[in-house]
Amino acid sequence: MSPRKSRSTLHSNAELPNPVTEEEIIAQLRLDFAEEIAECTARNDGECILDDHYIGRFVKARKCVYQNAKEMFGNHLEWRKEFQVDELRLHG
């Protein structure tokens, strides 16, 4: 009999010990990248383009494996910043 994974809830330390559902992973990614998401929102005149649906695409692409989704989303945010995607969107 295999051990069952328990569903995690947000703790006061703002870290999920074992995010297992898509919603939990999205919530944890929002916490992990809060500063970067805020910067992106500011660069887009307050428009939050990084909503749950947007972040969920990275989670689904990595089959809800948290570490893989975190790496992919982090790389994406770095790419957006390096190539000034948000500036191109506004001034393009």
PDB file of N, CA and C in Angstrom:
ATOM      1  N   MET A   1       0.845  -1.179   0.000  1.00  0.00           N
ATOM      2  CA  MET A   1       0.000   0.000   0.000  1.00  0.00           C
ATOM      3  C   MET A   1       0.888   1.238   0.000  1.00  0.00           C
ATOM      4  N   SER A   2       0.677   2.123  -0.942  1.00  0.00           N
ATOM      5  CA  SER A   2       1.520   3.316  -1.039  1.00  0.00           C
ATOM      6  C   SER A   2       1.012   4.404  -0.102  1.00  0.00           C
ATOM      7  N   PRO A   3       1.930   5.231   0.426  1.00  0.00           N
ATOM      8  CA  PRO A   3       1.503   6.320   1.312  1.00  0.00           C
ATOM      9  C   PRO A   3       0.733   7.364   0.519  1.00  0.00           C
ATOM     10  N   ARG A   4      -0.297   7.917   1.125  1.00  0.00           N
ATOM     11  CA  ARG A   4      -1.109   8.935   0.461  1.00  0.00           C
ATOM     12  C   ARG A   4      -0.539  10.305   0.743  1.00  0.00           C
ATOM     13  N   LYS A   5      -0.596  11.144  -0.251  1.00  0.00           N
ATOM     14  CA  LYS A   5      -0.175  12.533  -0.072  1.00  0.00           C
ATOM     15  C   LYS A   5      -1.321  13.296   0.563  1.00  0.00           C
ATOM     16  N   SER A   6      -1.017  14.051   1.574  1.00  0.00           N
ATOM     17  CA  SER A   6      -2.055  14.870   2.188  1.00  0.00           C
ATOM     18  C   SER A   6      -2.094  16.222   1.501  1.00  0.00           C
ATOM     19  N   ARG A   7      -3.264  16.797   1.436  1.00  0.00           N
ATOM     20  CA  ARG A   7      -3.385  18.126   0.841  1.00  0.00           C
ATOM     21  C   ARG A   7      -2.833  19.153   1.804  1.00  0.00           C
ATOM     22  N   SER A   8      -2.052  20.048   1.265  1.00  0.00           N
ATOM     23  CA  SER A   8      -1.433  21.086   2.082  1.00  0.00           C
ATOM     24  C   SER A   8      -2.305  22.324   2.112  1.00  0.00           C
ATOM     25  N   THR A   9      -2.126  23.120   3.150  1.00  0.00           N
ATOM     26  CA  THR A   9      -2.767  24.426   3.223  1.00  0.00           C
ATOM     27  C   THR A   9      -1.685  25.447   3.478  1.00  0.00           C
ATOM     28  N   LEU A  10      -1.988  26.701   3.176  1.00  0.00           N
ATOM     29  CA  LEU A  10      -1.004  27.750   3.403  1.00  0.00           C
ATOM     30  C   LEU A  10      -0.712  27.877   4.888  1.00  0.00           C
ATOM     31  N   HIS A  11       0.545  27.988   5.215  1.00  0.00           N
ATOM     32  CA  HIS A  11       0.971  28.161   6.592  1.00  0.00           C
ATOM     33  C   HIS A  11       1.354  29.608   6.811  1.00  0.00           C
ATOM     34  N   SER A  12       1.493  29.999   8.050  1.00  0.00           N
ATOM     35  CA  SER A  12       1.821  31.388   8.358  1.00  0.00           C
ATOM     36  C   SER A  12       3.191  31.789   7.832  1.00  0.00           C
ATOM     37  N   ASN A  13       4.070  30.816   7.585  1.00  0.00           N
ATOM     38  CA  ASN A  13       5.388  31.156   7.051  1.00  0.00           C
ATOM     39  C   ASN A  13       5.353  31.319   5.536  1.00  0.00           C
ATOM     40  N   ALA A  14       4.172  31.296   4.960  1.00  0.00           N
ATOM     41  CA  ALA A  14       3.956  31.529   3.526  1.00  0.00           C
ATOM     42  C   ALA A  14       4.695  30.535   2.650  1.00  0.00           C
ATOM     43  N   GLU A  15       4.737  29.296   3.086  1.00  0.00           N
ATOM     44  CA  GLU A  15       5.388  28.278   2.271  1.00  0.00           C
ATOM     45  C   GLU A  15       4.589  26.993   2.349  1.00  0.00           C
ATOM     46  N   LEU A  16       4.310  26.415   1.209  1.00  0.00           N
ATOM     47  CA  LEU A  16       3.631  25.130   1.193  1.00  0.00           C
ATOM     48  C   LEU A  16       4.674  24.031   1.321  1.00  0.00           C
ATOM     49  N   PRO A  17       4.520  23.125   2.281  1.00  0.00           N
ATOM     50  CA  PRO A  17       5.515  22.077   2.435  1.00  0.00           C
ATOM     51  C   PRO A  17       5.520  21.095   1.272  1.00  0.00           C
ATOM     52  N   ASN A  18       4.363  20.841   0.674  1.00  0.00           N
ATOM     53  CA  ASN A  18       4.292  19.887  -0.420  1.00  0.00           C
ATOM     54  C   ASN A  18       3.103  20.237  -1.310  1.00  0.00           C
ATOM     55  N   PRO A  19       3.239  21.270  -2.156  1.00  0.00           N
ATOM     56  CA  PRO A  19       2.105  21.645  -2.998  1.00  0.00           C
ATOM     57  C   PRO A  19       1.787  20.528  -3.984  1.00  0.00           C
ATOM     58  N   VAL A  20       0.543  20.069  -3.990  1.00  0.00           N
ATOM     59  CA  VAL A  20       0.202  18.934  -4.833  1.00  0.00           C
ATOM     60  C   VAL A  20      -0.874  19.236  -5.867  1.00  0.00           C
ATOM     61  N   THR A  21      -1.763  20.173  -5.588  1.00  0.00           N
ATOM     62  CA  THR A  21      -2.793  20.484  -6.573  1.00  0.00           C
ATOM     63  C   THR A  21      -2.337  21.668  -7.423  1.00  0.00           C
ATOM     64  N   GLU A  22      -2.960  21.808  -8.569  1.00  0.00           N
ATOM     65  CA  GLU A  22      -2.621  22.928  -9.451  1.00  0.00           C
ATOM     66  C   GLU A  22      -2.804  24.262  -8.730  1.00  0.00           C
ATOM     67  N   GLU A  23      -3.894  24.387  -7.987  1.00  0.00           N
ATOM     68  CA  GLU A  23      -4.170  25.632  -7.270  1.00  0.00           C
ATOM     69  C   GLU A  23      -3.107  25.910  -6.211  1.00  0.00           C
ATOM     70  N   GLU A  24      -2.678  24.877  -5.500  1.00  0.00           N
ATOM     71  CA  GLU A  24      -1.644  25.049  -4.473  1.00  0.00           C
ATOM     72  C   GLU A  24      -0.310  25.442  -5.095  1.00  0.00           C
ATOM     73  N   ILE A  25       0.013  24.845  -6.227  1.00  0.00           N
ATOM     74  CA  ILE A  25       1.273  25.170  -6.900  1.00  0.00           C
ATOM     75  C   ILE A  25       1.235  26.610  -7.400  1.00  0.00           C
ATOM     76  N   ILE A  26       0.119  27.032  -7.978  1.00  0.00           N
ATOM     77  CA  ILE A  26      -0.016  28.418  -8.437  1.00  0.00           C
ATOM     78  C   ILE A  26       0.143  29.370  -7.262  1.00  0.00           C
ATOM     79  N   ALA A  27      -0.502  29.057  -6.141  1.00  0.00           N
ATOM     80  CA  ALA A  27      -0.399  29.908  -4.948  1.00  0.00           C
ATOM     81  C   ALA A  27       1.044  29.998  -4.472  1.00  0.00           C
ATOM     82  N   GLN A  28       1.758  28.881  -4.481  1.00  0.00           N
ATOM     83  CA  GLN A  28       3.148  28.892  -4.034  1.00  0.00           C
ATOM     84  C   GLN A  28       4.031  29.668  -5.010  1.00  0.00           C
ATOM     85  N   LEU A  29       3.792  29.517  -6.305  1.00  0.00           N
ATOM     86  CA  LEU A  29       4.570  30.270  -7.291  1.00  0.00           C
ATOM     87  C   LEU A  29       4.332  31.768  -7.126  1.00  0.00           C
ATOM     88  N   ARG A  30       3.095  32.158  -6.831  1.00  0.00           N
ATOM     89  CA  ARG A  30       2.806  33.577  -6.578  1.00  0.00           C
ATOM     90  C   ARG A  30       3.613  34.083  -5.389  1.00  0.00           C
ATOM     91  N   LEU A  31       3.742  33.261  -4.345  1.00  0.00           N
ATOM     92  CA  LEU A  31       4.540  33.652  -3.179  1.00  0.00           C
ATOM     93  C   LEU A  31       6.025  33.700  -3.530  1.00  0.00           C
ATOM     94  N   ASP A  32       6.500  32.682  -4.228  1.00  0.00           N
ATOM     95  CA  ASP A  32       7.922  32.595  -4.571  1.00  0.00           C
ATOM     96  C   ASP A  32       8.374  33.742  -5.462  1.00  0.00           C
ATOM     97  N   PHE A  33       7.501  34.177  -6.355  1.00  0.00           N
ATOM     98  CA  PHE A  33       7.865  35.201  -7.332  1.00  0.00           C
ATOM     99  C   PHE A  33       7.071  36.495  -7.130  1.00  0.00           C
ATOM    100  N   ALA A  34       6.663  36.770  -5.903  1.00  0.00           N
ATOM    101  CA  ALA A  34       5.832  37.947  -5.614  1.00  0.00           C
ATOM    102  C   ALA A  34       6.494  39.236  -6.088  1.00  0.00           C
ATOM    103  N   GLU A  35       7.775  39.385  -5.832  1.00  0.00           N
ATOM    104  CA  GLU A  35       8.484  40.609  -6.226  1.00  0.00           C
ATOM    105  C   GLU A  35       8.521  40.755  -7.744  1.00  0.00           C
ATOM    106  N   GLU A  36       8.840  39.680  -8.440  1.00  0.00           N
ATOM    107  CA  GLU A  36       8.917  39.724  -9.899  1.00  0.00           C
ATOM    108  C   GLU A  36       7.544  39.996 -10.515  1.00  0.00           C
ATOM    109  N   ILE A  37       6.501  39.391  -9.947  1.00  0.00           N
ATOM    110  CA  ILE A  37       5.145  39.615 -10.449  1.00  0.00           C
ATOM    111  C   ILE A  37       4.741  41.069 -10.231  1.00  0.00           C
ATOM    112  N   ALA A  38       5.087  41.623  -9.066  1.00  0.00           N
ATOM    113  CA  ALA A  38       4.780  43.033  -8.779  1.00  0.00           C
ATOM    114  C   ALA A  38       5.511  43.954  -9.753  1.00  0.00           C
ATOM    115  N   GLU A  39       6.779  43.649 -10.052  1.00  0.00           N
ATOM    116  CA  GLU A  39       7.546  44.458 -11.010  1.00  0.00           C
ATOM    117  C   GLU A  39       6.901  44.403 -12.389  1.00  0.00           C
ATOM    118  N   CYS A  40       6.500  43.226 -12.807  1.00  0.00           N
ATOM    119  CA  CYS A  40       5.868  43.063 -14.117  1.00  0.00           C
ATOM    120  C   CYS A  40       4.556  43.839 -14.170  1.00  0.00           C
ATOM    121  N   THR A  41       3.783  43.778 -13.103  1.00  0.00           N
ATOM    122  CA  THR A  41       2.519  44.513 -13.038  1.00  0.00           C
ATOM    123  C   THR A  41       2.769  46.013 -13.122  1.00  0.00           C
ATOM    124  N   ALA A  42       3.793  46.492 -12.417  1.00  0.00           N
ATOM    125  CA  ALA A  42       4.130  47.919 -12.446  1.00  0.00           C
ATOM    126  C   ALA A  42       4.557  48.346 -13.851  1.00  0.00           C
ATOM    127  N   ARG A  43       5.316  47.499 -14.535  1.00  0.00           N
ATOM    128  CA  ARG A  43       5.772  47.828 -15.889  1.00  0.00           C
ATOM    129  C   ARG A  43       4.619  47.843 -16.884  1.00  0.00           C
ATOM    130  N   ASN A  44       3.504  47.235 -16.521  1.00  0.00           N
ATOM    131  CA  ASN A  44       2.338  47.169 -17.406  1.00  0.00           C
ATOM    132  C   ASN A  44       1.232  48.103 -16.941  1.00  0.00           C
ATOM    133  N   ASP A  45       1.630  49.248 -16.392  1.00  0.00           N
ATOM    134  CA  ASP A  45       0.665  50.264 -15.938  1.00  0.00           C
ATOM    135  C   ASP A  45      -0.395  49.688 -15.006  1.00  0.00           C
ATOM    136  N   GLY A  46       0.021  48.788 -14.122  1.00  0.00           N
ATOM    137  CA  GLY A  46      -0.882  48.223 -13.130  1.00  0.00           C
ATOM    138  C   GLY A  46      -1.712  47.055 -13.607  1.00  0.00           C
ATOM    139  N   GLU A  47      -1.595  46.706 -14.868  1.00  0.00           N
ATOM    140  CA  GLU A  47      -2.344  45.567 -15.395  1.00  0.00           C
ATOM    141  C   GLU A  47      -1.622  44.280 -15.008  1.00  0.00           C
ATOM    142  N   CYS A  48      -2.311  43.412 -14.315  1.00  0.00           N
ATOM    143  CA  CYS A  48      -1.704  42.143 -13.902  1.00  0.00           C
ATOM    144  C   CYS A  48      -1.904  41.125 -15.012  1.00  0.00           C
ATOM    145  N   ILE A  49      -0.887  40.972 -15.836  1.00  0.00           N
ATOM    146  CA  ILE A  49      -0.984  40.008 -16.925  1.00  0.00           C
ATOM    147  C   ILE A  49      -0.624  38.605 -16.461  1.00  0.00           C
ATOM    148  N   LEU A  50      -0.047  38.507 -15.264  1.00  0.00           N
ATOM    149  CA  LEU A  50       0.360  37.206 -14.739  1.00  0.00           C
ATOM    150  C   LEU A  50      -0.721  36.676 -13.795  1.00  0.00           C
ATOM    151  N   ASP A  51      -1.905  36.432 -14.340  1.00  0.00           N
ATOM    152  CA  ASP A  51      -3.006  35.928 -13.523  1.00  0.00           C
ATOM    153  C   ASP A  51      -2.873  34.414 -13.323  1.00  0.00           C
ATOM    154  N   ASP A  52      -3.815  33.832 -12.590  1.00  0.00           N
ATOM    155  CA  ASP A  52      -3.740  32.403 -12.286  1.00  0.00           C
ATOM    156  C   ASP A  52      -3.774  31.544 -13.546  1.00  0.00           C
ATOM    157  N   HIS A  53      -4.566  31.941 -14.518  1.00  0.00           N
ATOM    158  CA  HIS A  53      -4.629  31.181 -15.771  1.00  0.00           C
ATOM    159  C   HIS A  53      -3.262  31.180 -16.464  1.00  0.00           C
ATOM    160  N   TYR A  54      -2.624  32.329 -16.499  1.00  0.00           N
ATOM    161  CA  TYR A  54      -1.312  32.474 -17.131  1.00  0.00           C
ATOM    162  C   TYR A  54      -0.283  31.589 -16.426  1.00  0.00           C
ATOM    163  N   ILE A  55      -0.222  31.681 -15.098  1.00  0.00           N
ATOM    164  CA  ILE A  55       0.735  30.883 -14.326  1.00  0.00           C
ATOM    165  C   ILE A  55       0.390  29.399 -14.425  1.00  0.00           C
ATOM    166  N   GLY A  56      -0.900  29.093 -14.469  1.00  0.00           N
ATOM    167  CA  GLY A  56      -1.336  27.704 -14.571  1.00  0.00           C
ATOM    168  C   GLY A  56      -0.833  27.004 -15.823  1.00  0.00           C
ATOM    169  N   ARG A  57      -0.584  27.751 -16.874  1.00  0.00           N
ATOM    170  CA  ARG A  57      -0.040  27.149 -18.099  1.00  0.00           C
ATOM    171  C   ARG A  57       1.326  26.523 -17.847  1.00  0.00           C
ATOM    172  N   PHE A  58       2.134  27.153 -16.994  1.00  0.00           N
ATOM    173  CA  PHE A  58       3.451  26.612 -16.674  1.00  0.00           C
ATOM    174  C   PHE A  58       3.326  25.371 -15.796  1.00  0.00           C
ATOM    175  N   VAL A  59       2.353  25.399 -14.894  1.00  0.00           N
ATOM    176  CA  VAL A  59       2.108  24.251 -14.013  1.00  0.00           C
ATOM    177  C   VAL A  59       1.658  23.050 -14.843  1.00  0.00           C
ATOM    178  N   LYS A  60       0.733  23.273 -15.756  1.00  0.00           N
ATOM    179  CA  LYS A  60       0.242  22.188 -16.608  1.00  0.00           C
ATOM    180  C   LYS A  60       1.337  21.671 -17.536  1.00  0.00           C
ATOM    181  N   ALA A  61       2.154  22.574 -18.050  1.00  0.00           N
ATOM    182  CA  ALA A  61       3.228  22.173 -18.961  1.00  0.00           C
ATOM    183  C   ALA A  61       4.236  21.255 -18.274  1.00  0.00           C
ATOM    184  N   ARG A  62       4.335  21.374 -16.963  1.00  0.00           N
ATOM    185  CA  ARG A  62       5.269  20.541 -16.200  1.00  0.00           C
ATOM    186  C   ARG A  62       4.533  19.503 -15.363  1.00  0.00           C
ATOM    187  N   LYS A  63       3.311  19.175 -15.805  1.00  0.00           N
ATOM    188  CA  LYS A  63       2.498  18.103 -15.222  1.00  0.00           C
ATOM    189  C   LYS A  63       2.361  18.202 -13.709  1.00  0.00           C
ATOM    190  N   CYS A  64       2.175  19.410 -13.225  1.00  0.00           N
ATOM    191  CA  CYS A  64       1.958  19.704 -11.797  1.00  0.00           C
ATOM    192  C   CYS A  64       3.123  19.261 -10.911  1.00  0.00           C
ATOM    193  N   VAL A  65       4.327  19.232 -11.471  1.00  0.00           N
ATOM    194  CA  VAL A  65       5.525  18.974 -10.661  1.00  0.00           C
ATOM    195  C   VAL A  65       6.064  20.342 -10.262  1.00  0.00           C
ATOM    196  N   TYR A  66       5.935  20.656  -8.974  1.00  0.00           N
ATOM    197  CA  TYR A  66       6.227  21.994  -8.467  1.00  0.00           C
ATOM    198  C   TYR A  66       7.614  22.502  -8.865  1.00  0.00           C
ATOM    199  N   GLN A  67       8.658  21.746  -8.586  1.00  0.00           N
ATOM    200  CA  GLN A  67      10.027  22.213  -8.862  1.00  0.00           C
ATOM    201  C   GLN A  67      10.225  22.511 -10.349  1.00  0.00           C
ATOM    202  N   ASN A  68       9.669  21.675 -11.195  1.00  0.00           N
ATOM    203  CA  ASN A  68       9.805  21.887 -12.639  1.00  0.00           C
ATOM    204  C   ASN A  68       9.040  23.130 -13.092  1.00  0.00           C
ATOM    205  N   ALA A  69       7.838  23.315 -12.543  1.00  0.00           N
ATOM    206  CA  ALA A  69       7.048  24.507 -12.881  1.00  0.00           C
ATOM    207  C   ALA A  69       7.742  25.764 -12.374  1.00  0.00           C
ATOM    208  N   LYS A  70       8.326  25.682 -11.183  1.00  0.00           N
ATOM    209  CA  LYS A  70       9.036  26.829 -10.603  1.00  0.00           C
ATOM    210  C   LYS A  70      10.224  27.223 -11.483  1.00  0.00           C
ATOM    211  N   GLU A  71      10.978  26.242 -11.928  1.00  0.00           N
ATOM    212  CA  GLU A  71      12.133  26.524 -12.786  1.00  0.00           C
ATOM    213  C   GLU A  71      11.691  27.138 -14.115  1.00  0.00           C
ATOM    214  N   MET A  72      10.661  26.562 -14.715  1.00  0.00           N
ATOM    215  CA  MET A  72      10.189  27.060 -16.006  1.00  0.00           C
ATOM    216  C   MET A  72       9.629  28.479 -15.885  1.00  0.00           C
ATOM    217  N   PHE A  73       8.818  28.733 -14.860  1.00  0.00           N
ATOM    218  CA  PHE A  73       8.229  30.054 -14.675  1.00  0.00           C
ATOM    219  C   PHE A  73       9.311  31.080 -14.351  1.00  0.00           C
ATOM    220  N   GLY A  74      10.279  30.710 -13.528  1.00  0.00           N
ATOM    221  CA  GLY A  74      11.389  31.609 -13.204  1.00  0.00           C
ATOM    222  C   GLY A  74      12.185  31.976 -14.444  1.00  0.00           C
ATOM    223  N   ASN A  75      12.464  30.984 -15.285  1.00  0.00           N
ATOM    224  CA  ASN A  75      13.176  31.248 -16.538  1.00  0.00           C
ATOM    225  C   ASN A  75      12.368  32.180 -17.438  1.00  0.00           C
ATOM    226  N   HIS A  76      11.060  31.981 -17.458  1.00  0.00           N
ATOM    227  CA  HIS A  76      10.189  32.836 -18.271  1.00  0.00           C
ATOM    228  C   HIS A  76      10.240  34.288 -17.785  1.00  0.00           C
ATOM    229  N   LEU A  77      10.174  34.486 -16.470  1.00  0.00           N
ATOM    230  CA  LEU A  77      10.224  35.848 -15.925  1.00  0.00           C
ATOM    231  C   LEU A  77      11.561  36.515 -16.234  1.00  0.00           C
ATOM    232  N   GLU A  78      12.652  35.747 -16.143  1.00  0.00           N
ATOM    233  CA  GLU A  78      13.969  36.295 -16.494  1.00  0.00           C
ATOM    234  C   GLU A  78      14.001  36.694 -17.965  1.00  0.00           C
ATOM    235  N   TRP A  79      13.447  35.856 -18.830  1.00  0.00           N
ATOM    236  CA  TRP A  79      13.414  36.143 -20.260  1.00  0.00           C
ATOM    237  C   TRP A  79      12.615  37.417 -20.537  1.00  0.00           C
ATOM    238  N   ARG A  80      11.438  37.555 -19.889  1.00  0.00           N
ATOM    239  CA  ARG A  80      10.614  38.763 -20.074  1.00  0.00           C
ATOM    240  C   ARG A  80      11.404  40.011 -19.724  1.00  0.00           C
ATOM    241  N   LYS A  81      12.164  39.927 -18.625  1.00  0.00           N
ATOM    242  CA  LYS A  81      12.934  41.087 -18.168  1.00  0.00           C
ATOM    243  C   LYS A  81      14.119  41.355 -19.101  1.00  0.00           C
ATOM    244  N   GLU A  82      14.844  40.303 -19.452  1.00  0.00           N
ATOM    245  CA  GLU A  82      16.030  40.456 -20.305  1.00  0.00           C
ATOM    246  C   GLU A  82      15.684  41.059 -21.663  1.00  0.00           C
ATOM    247  N   PHE A  83      14.584  40.613 -22.253  1.00  0.00           N
ATOM    248  CA  PHE A  83      14.206  41.090 -23.579  1.00  0.00           C
ATOM    249  C   PHE A  83      13.186  42.226 -23.538  1.00  0.00           C
ATOM    250  N   GLN A  84      12.948  42.758 -22.345  1.00  0.00           N
ATOM    251  CA  GLN A  84      12.087  43.924 -22.138  1.00  0.00           C
ATOM    252  C   GLN A  84      10.720  43.766 -22.817  1.00  0.00           C
ATOM    253  N   VAL A  85      10.138  42.605 -22.625  1.00  0.00           N
ATOM    254  CA  VAL A  85       8.852  42.298 -23.246  1.00  0.00           C
ATOM    255  C   VAL A  85       7.779  43.298 -22.830  1.00  0.00           C
ATOM    256  N   ASP A  86       7.746  43.647 -21.553  1.00  0.00           N
ATOM    257  CA  ASP A  86       6.704  44.555 -21.078  1.00  0.00           C
ATOM    258  C   ASP A  86       6.868  45.956 -21.653  1.00  0.00           C
ATOM    259  N   GLU A  87       8.101  46.398 -21.814  1.00  0.00           N
ATOM    260  CA  GLU A  87       8.341  47.709 -22.412  1.00  0.00           C
ATOM    261  C   GLU A  87       7.927  47.708 -23.882  1.00  0.00           C
ATOM    262  N   LEU A  88       8.188  46.618 -24.572  1.00  0.00           N
ATOM    263  CA  LEU A  88       7.781  46.513 -25.973  1.00  0.00           C
ATOM    264  C   LEU A  88       6.262  46.532 -26.101  1.00  0.00           C
ATOM    265  N   ARG A  89       5.596  45.854 -25.182  1.00  0.00           N
ATOM    266  CA  ARG A  89       4.129  45.831 -25.192  1.00  0.00           C
ATOM    267  C   ARG A  89       3.553  47.230 -25.058  1.00  0.00           C
ATOM    268  N   LEU A  90       4.128  48.028 -24.164  1.00  0.00           N
ATOM    269  CA  LEU A  90       3.585  49.357 -23.897  1.00  0.00           C
ATOM    270  C   LEU A  90       3.984  50.393 -24.939  1.00  0.00           C
ATOM    271  N   HIS A  91       5.215  50.292 -25.410  1.00  0.00           N
ATOM    272  CA  HIS A  91       5.752  51.342 -26.285  1.00  0.00           C
ATOM    273  C   HIS A  91       5.971  50.868 -27.714  1.00  0.00           C
ATOM    274  N   GLY A  92       5.622  49.619 -27.964  1.00  0.00           N
ATOM    275  CA  GLY A  92       5.926  48.936 -29.176  1.00  0.00           C
ATOM    276  C   GLY A  92       5.469  49.447 -30.443  1.00  0.00           C
TER     277      GLY A  92
END
